[in-house]
Protein backbone atom coordinates (compact mmCIF):
# COMPACT_ATOMS: atom_id res chain seq x y z
CA UNK A 1 -48.29 36.02 1.16
CA UNK A 2 -50.60 36.20 4.01
CA UNK A 3 -50.70 34.13 6.95
CA UNK A 4 -53.79 33.63 8.91
CA UNK A 5 -52.25 34.73 12.79
CA UNK A 6 -53.43 31.37 14.13
CA UNK A 7 -50.44 29.81 13.31
CA UNK A 8 -47.99 32.28 14.71
CA UNK A 9 -47.84 29.90 17.74
CA UNK A 10 -46.53 26.63 15.21
CA UNK A 11 -44.03 29.12 13.24
CA UNK A 12 -42.44 30.74 15.97
CA UNK A 13 -42.40 27.37 17.39
CA UNK A 14 -40.19 26.13 14.96
CA UNK A 15 -38.44 29.50 14.42
CA UNK A 16 -37.10 28.84 17.94
CA UNK A 17 -36.22 25.44 17.20
CA UNK A 18 -34.36 26.16 14.37
CA UNK A 19 -32.20 28.30 16.61
CA UNK A 20 -31.57 25.76 19.42
CA UNK A 21 -30.53 23.35 16.62
CA UNK A 22 -28.48 25.43 14.85
CA UNK A 23 -26.71 26.78 18.40
CA UNK A 24 -26.10 23.26 19.22
CA UNK A 25 -23.92 22.20 16.32
CA UNK A 26 -27.25 20.31 14.81
CA UNK A 27 -26.90 20.79 11.14
CA UNK A 28 -29.88 18.12 9.77
CA UNK A 29 -31.91 18.68 12.46
CA UNK A 30 -31.90 21.96 11.96
CA UNK A 31 -32.74 21.96 8.34
CA UNK A 32 -35.90 19.47 9.24
CA UNK A 33 -37.02 21.75 11.39
CA UNK A 34 -36.53 24.56 9.01
CA UNK A 35 -38.48 22.21 5.89
CA UNK A 36 -41.74 21.94 8.68
CA UNK A 37 -41.39 25.17 9.16
CA UNK A 38 -42.11 26.26 5.74
CA UNK A 39 -44.63 23.89 5.29
CA UNK A 40 -46.59 25.53 8.71
CA UNK A 41 -46.59 28.50 6.92
CA UNK A 42 -47.85 27.42 3.51
CA UNK A 43 -50.71 25.81 6.04
CA UNK A 44 -52.11 28.92 7.72
CA UNK A 45 -51.46 31.31 4.35
CA UNK A 46 -54.80 33.17 3.48
CA UNK A 47 -54.98 33.54 0.33
CA UNK A 48 -57.16 36.32 -1.67
CA UNK A 49 -59.58 34.80 -3.75
CA UNK A 50 -62.17 36.67 -6.71
CA UNK A 51 -65.82 35.75 -5.66
CA UNK A 52 -67.32 35.54 -8.76
CA UNK A 53 -70.45 37.87 -9.43
CA UNK A 54 -73.81 37.47 -9.85
CA UNK A 55 -76.92 36.25 -8.46
CA UNK A 56 -78.59 33.06 -7.72
CA UNK A 57 -74.69 31.37 -7.59
CA UNK A 58 -72.92 28.99 -4.76
CA UNK A 59 -69.57 29.18 -3.98
CA UNK A 60 -67.39 26.13 -2.53
CA UNK A 61 -66.43 26.94 1.12
CA UNK A 62 -63.52 25.21 1.68
CA UNK A 63 -60.32 24.07 -0.80
CA UNK A 64 -60.17 20.56 -1.50
CA UNK A 65 -61.82 17.14 -3.47
CA UNK A 66 -65.29 17.15 -3.14
CA UNK A 67 -65.99 13.15 -1.23
CA UNK A 68 -69.86 13.59 -1.53
CA UNK A 69 -72.55 15.32 -3.22
CA UNK A 70 -76.25 13.85 -3.14
CA UNK A 71 -79.79 15.36 -3.18
CA UNK A 72 -79.24 18.87 -0.92
CA UNK A 73 -75.72 17.57 0.43
CA UNK A 74 -72.26 18.48 -0.18
CA UNK A 75 -69.06 17.50 1.31
CA UNK A 76 -65.18 19.04 0.40
CA UNK A 77 -62.11 17.05 2.09
CA UNK A 78 -59.39 19.21 2.51
CA UNK A 79 -55.43 17.37 2.66
CA UNK A 80 -52.93 18.85 4.97
CA UNK A 81 -51.67 20.57 1.70
CA UNK A 82 -55.46 22.69 0.84
CA UNK A 83 -55.43 25.87 2.24
CA UNK A 84 -57.73 25.57 5.76
CA UNK A 85 -59.16 29.04 5.62
CA UNK A 86 -63.16 28.13 4.78
CA UNK A 87 -65.51 31.10 3.43
CA UNK A 88 -69.37 31.19 3.04
CA UNK A 89 -71.08 29.66 0.12
CA UNK A 90 -73.72 32.19 -0.12
CA UNK A 91 -74.67 35.83 1.14
CA UNK A 92 -76.44 35.76 4.44
CA UNK A 93 -77.50 36.30 8.06
CA UNK A 94 -75.49 33.97 11.03
CA UNK A 95 -78.59 32.35 12.73
CA UNK A 96 -76.54 30.39 15.34
CA UNK A 97 -73.76 29.08 15.68
CA UNK A 98 -72.97 24.89 17.28
CA UNK A 99 -69.87 23.87 18.19
CA UNK A 100 -70.90 19.97 18.67
CA UNK A 101 -67.34 17.93 20.31
CA UNK A 102 -66.87 14.45 18.47
CA UNK A 103 -65.16 11.41 17.30
CA UNK A 104 -61.68 11.89 15.43
CA UNK A 105 -61.90 9.42 12.68
CA UNK A 106 -60.19 10.40 9.22
CA UNK A 107 -62.34 13.34 7.56
CA UNK A 108 -62.54 11.57 3.98
CA UNK A 109 -64.08 8.41 5.51
CA UNK A 110 -67.74 7.61 6.51
CA UNK A 111 -67.37 7.66 9.96
CA UNK A 112 -66.13 10.88 10.16
CA UNK A 113 -70.09 11.61 10.83
CA UNK A 114 -69.39 11.05 14.36
CA UNK A 115 -66.16 13.27 14.29
CA UNK A 116 -66.21 16.68 16.47
CA UNK A 117 -68.24 19.30 14.66
CA UNK A 118 -68.87 22.98 13.99
CA UNK A 119 -72.58 23.79 12.02
CA UNK A 120 -72.67 27.31 11.20
CA UNK A 121 -76.84 28.42 10.28
CA UNK A 122 -76.71 30.76 7.30
CA UNK A 123 -80.23 32.69 6.08
CA UNK A 124 -80.26 33.49 3.19
CA UNK A 125 -84.15 35.16 1.73
CA UNK A 126 -86.46 32.35 3.44
CA UNK A 127 -83.86 28.96 3.20
CA UNK A 128 -81.20 27.98 5.85
CA UNK A 129 -77.80 26.98 4.02
CA UNK A 130 -75.92 24.94 6.76
CA UNK A 131 -72.40 24.86 7.15
CA UNK A 132 -70.85 22.45 9.01
CA UNK A 133 -67.00 22.04 9.88
CA UNK A 134 -65.75 18.67 10.69
CA UNK A 135 -62.30 17.54 12.57
CA UNK A 136 -60.67 14.96 11.26
CA UNK A 137 -57.90 12.41 12.46
CA UNK A 138 -54.62 14.93 12.59
CA UNK A 139 -57.84 18.23 12.76
CA UNK A 140 -58.04 18.67 16.54
CA UNK A 141 -58.72 22.04 16.64
CA UNK A 142 -61.87 23.97 14.65
CA UNK A 143 -61.97 28.35 15.01
CA UNK A 144 -64.69 30.18 13.58
CA UNK A 145 -64.85 33.68 12.98
CA UNK A 146 -68.23 34.81 12.69
CA UNK A 147 -71.10 34.89 15.75
CA UNK A 148 -74.77 34.94 15.37
CA UNK A 149 -75.99 38.05 14.21
CA UNK A 150 -72.90 38.98 11.87
CA UNK A 151 -73.88 39.21 7.86
CA UNK A 152 -71.90 37.79 5.73
CA UNK A 153 -71.06 38.18 2.15
CA UNK A 154 -70.45 35.11 -0.60
CA UNK A 155 -66.93 34.24 -0.05
CA UNK A 156 -66.22 35.99 2.99
CA UNK A 157 -64.11 34.36 5.59
CA UNK A 158 -65.57 32.06 8.54
CA UNK A 159 -62.95 30.45 9.97
CA UNK A 160 -60.73 27.39 9.64
CA UNK A 161 -59.80 23.68 10.79
CA UNK A 162 -56.26 22.95 11.90
CA UNK A 163 -54.94 20.53 10.31
CA UNK A 164 -56.97 18.51 7.73
CA UNK A 165 -60.51 18.06 7.70
CA UNK A 166 -63.62 18.35 5.21
CA UNK A 167 -66.68 21.04 4.78
CA UNK A 168 -69.87 19.84 4.48
CA UNK A 169 -73.58 22.28 2.82
CA UNK A 170 -76.98 21.25 3.15
CA UNK A 171 -79.19 23.18 1.10
CA UNK A 172 -83.08 22.90 0.38
CA UNK A 173 -82.64 20.22 -2.51
CA UNK A 174 -85.31 21.68 -4.23
CA UNK A 175 -83.83 25.19 -4.45
CA UNK A 176 -80.61 23.93 -5.44
CA UNK A 177 -78.45 22.19 -8.19
CA UNK A 178 -74.87 21.21 -7.11
CA UNK A 179 -72.48 21.63 -10.36
CA UNK A 180 -70.07 19.84 -9.10
CA UNK A 181 -68.59 16.04 -8.78
CA UNK A 182 -67.17 13.46 -6.75
CA UNK A 183 -63.61 13.91 -7.22
CA UNK A 184 -63.75 17.10 -7.90
CA UNK A 185 -61.42 19.90 -7.40
CA UNK A 186 -62.75 22.86 -5.98
CA UNK A 187 -61.12 26.48 -4.20
CA UNK A 188 -63.29 28.30 -1.53
CA UNK A 189 -64.86 31.40 -2.62
CA UNK A 190 -63.80 30.99 -6.34
CA UNK A 191 -65.97 27.69 -7.80
CA UNK A 192 -69.56 28.14 -8.04
CA UNK A 193 -71.17 24.87 -6.42
CA UNK A 194 -74.54 25.20 -7.32
CA UNK A 195 -76.90 27.10 -8.87
CA UNK A 196 -79.99 28.61 -7.31
CA UNK A 197 -83.90 27.87 -8.82
CA UNK A 198 -86.35 25.78 -8.97
CA UNK A 199 -86.59 22.14 -9.90
């Protein structure tokens, strides 16, 4: 299983603590630390995804549960147990990347509008698609791997958010129709969440 390098400090730290607990003769603590380290390895996993072919489709930018879908806005909440690698919903050019400091409310609540965020602005033809990584109550680090001028393919990795968060997509509502409903679970890079076409 591929693991993101961003997880290395957490995982190595866990392994060192397990070794220390074992050497000190604290087997119960060592076992607890082993479980936590296994969780961290799973959290930072980066699986390959089968991106669906074809034109005029948009894929989920994140694993998780749809918490908002209305007009041209879609929001997906990632729990601690979801894969946290974020992916490009469409092909396009990265026009801008804007980080905005903010609060750390629970990412599945309306108050998360005030949370720290990172906007990735994509241009697809004459359209602008906004992908926003939003920090949560536990998530305190937003990682972005793209920069203005980069070209990305649908399903390509954009970044990740460490420890529980949400990702939002904003599109021209007259050009896209979302095909998922609130409460539905989606997979980044695989689940088709919208179809293109004039309304």
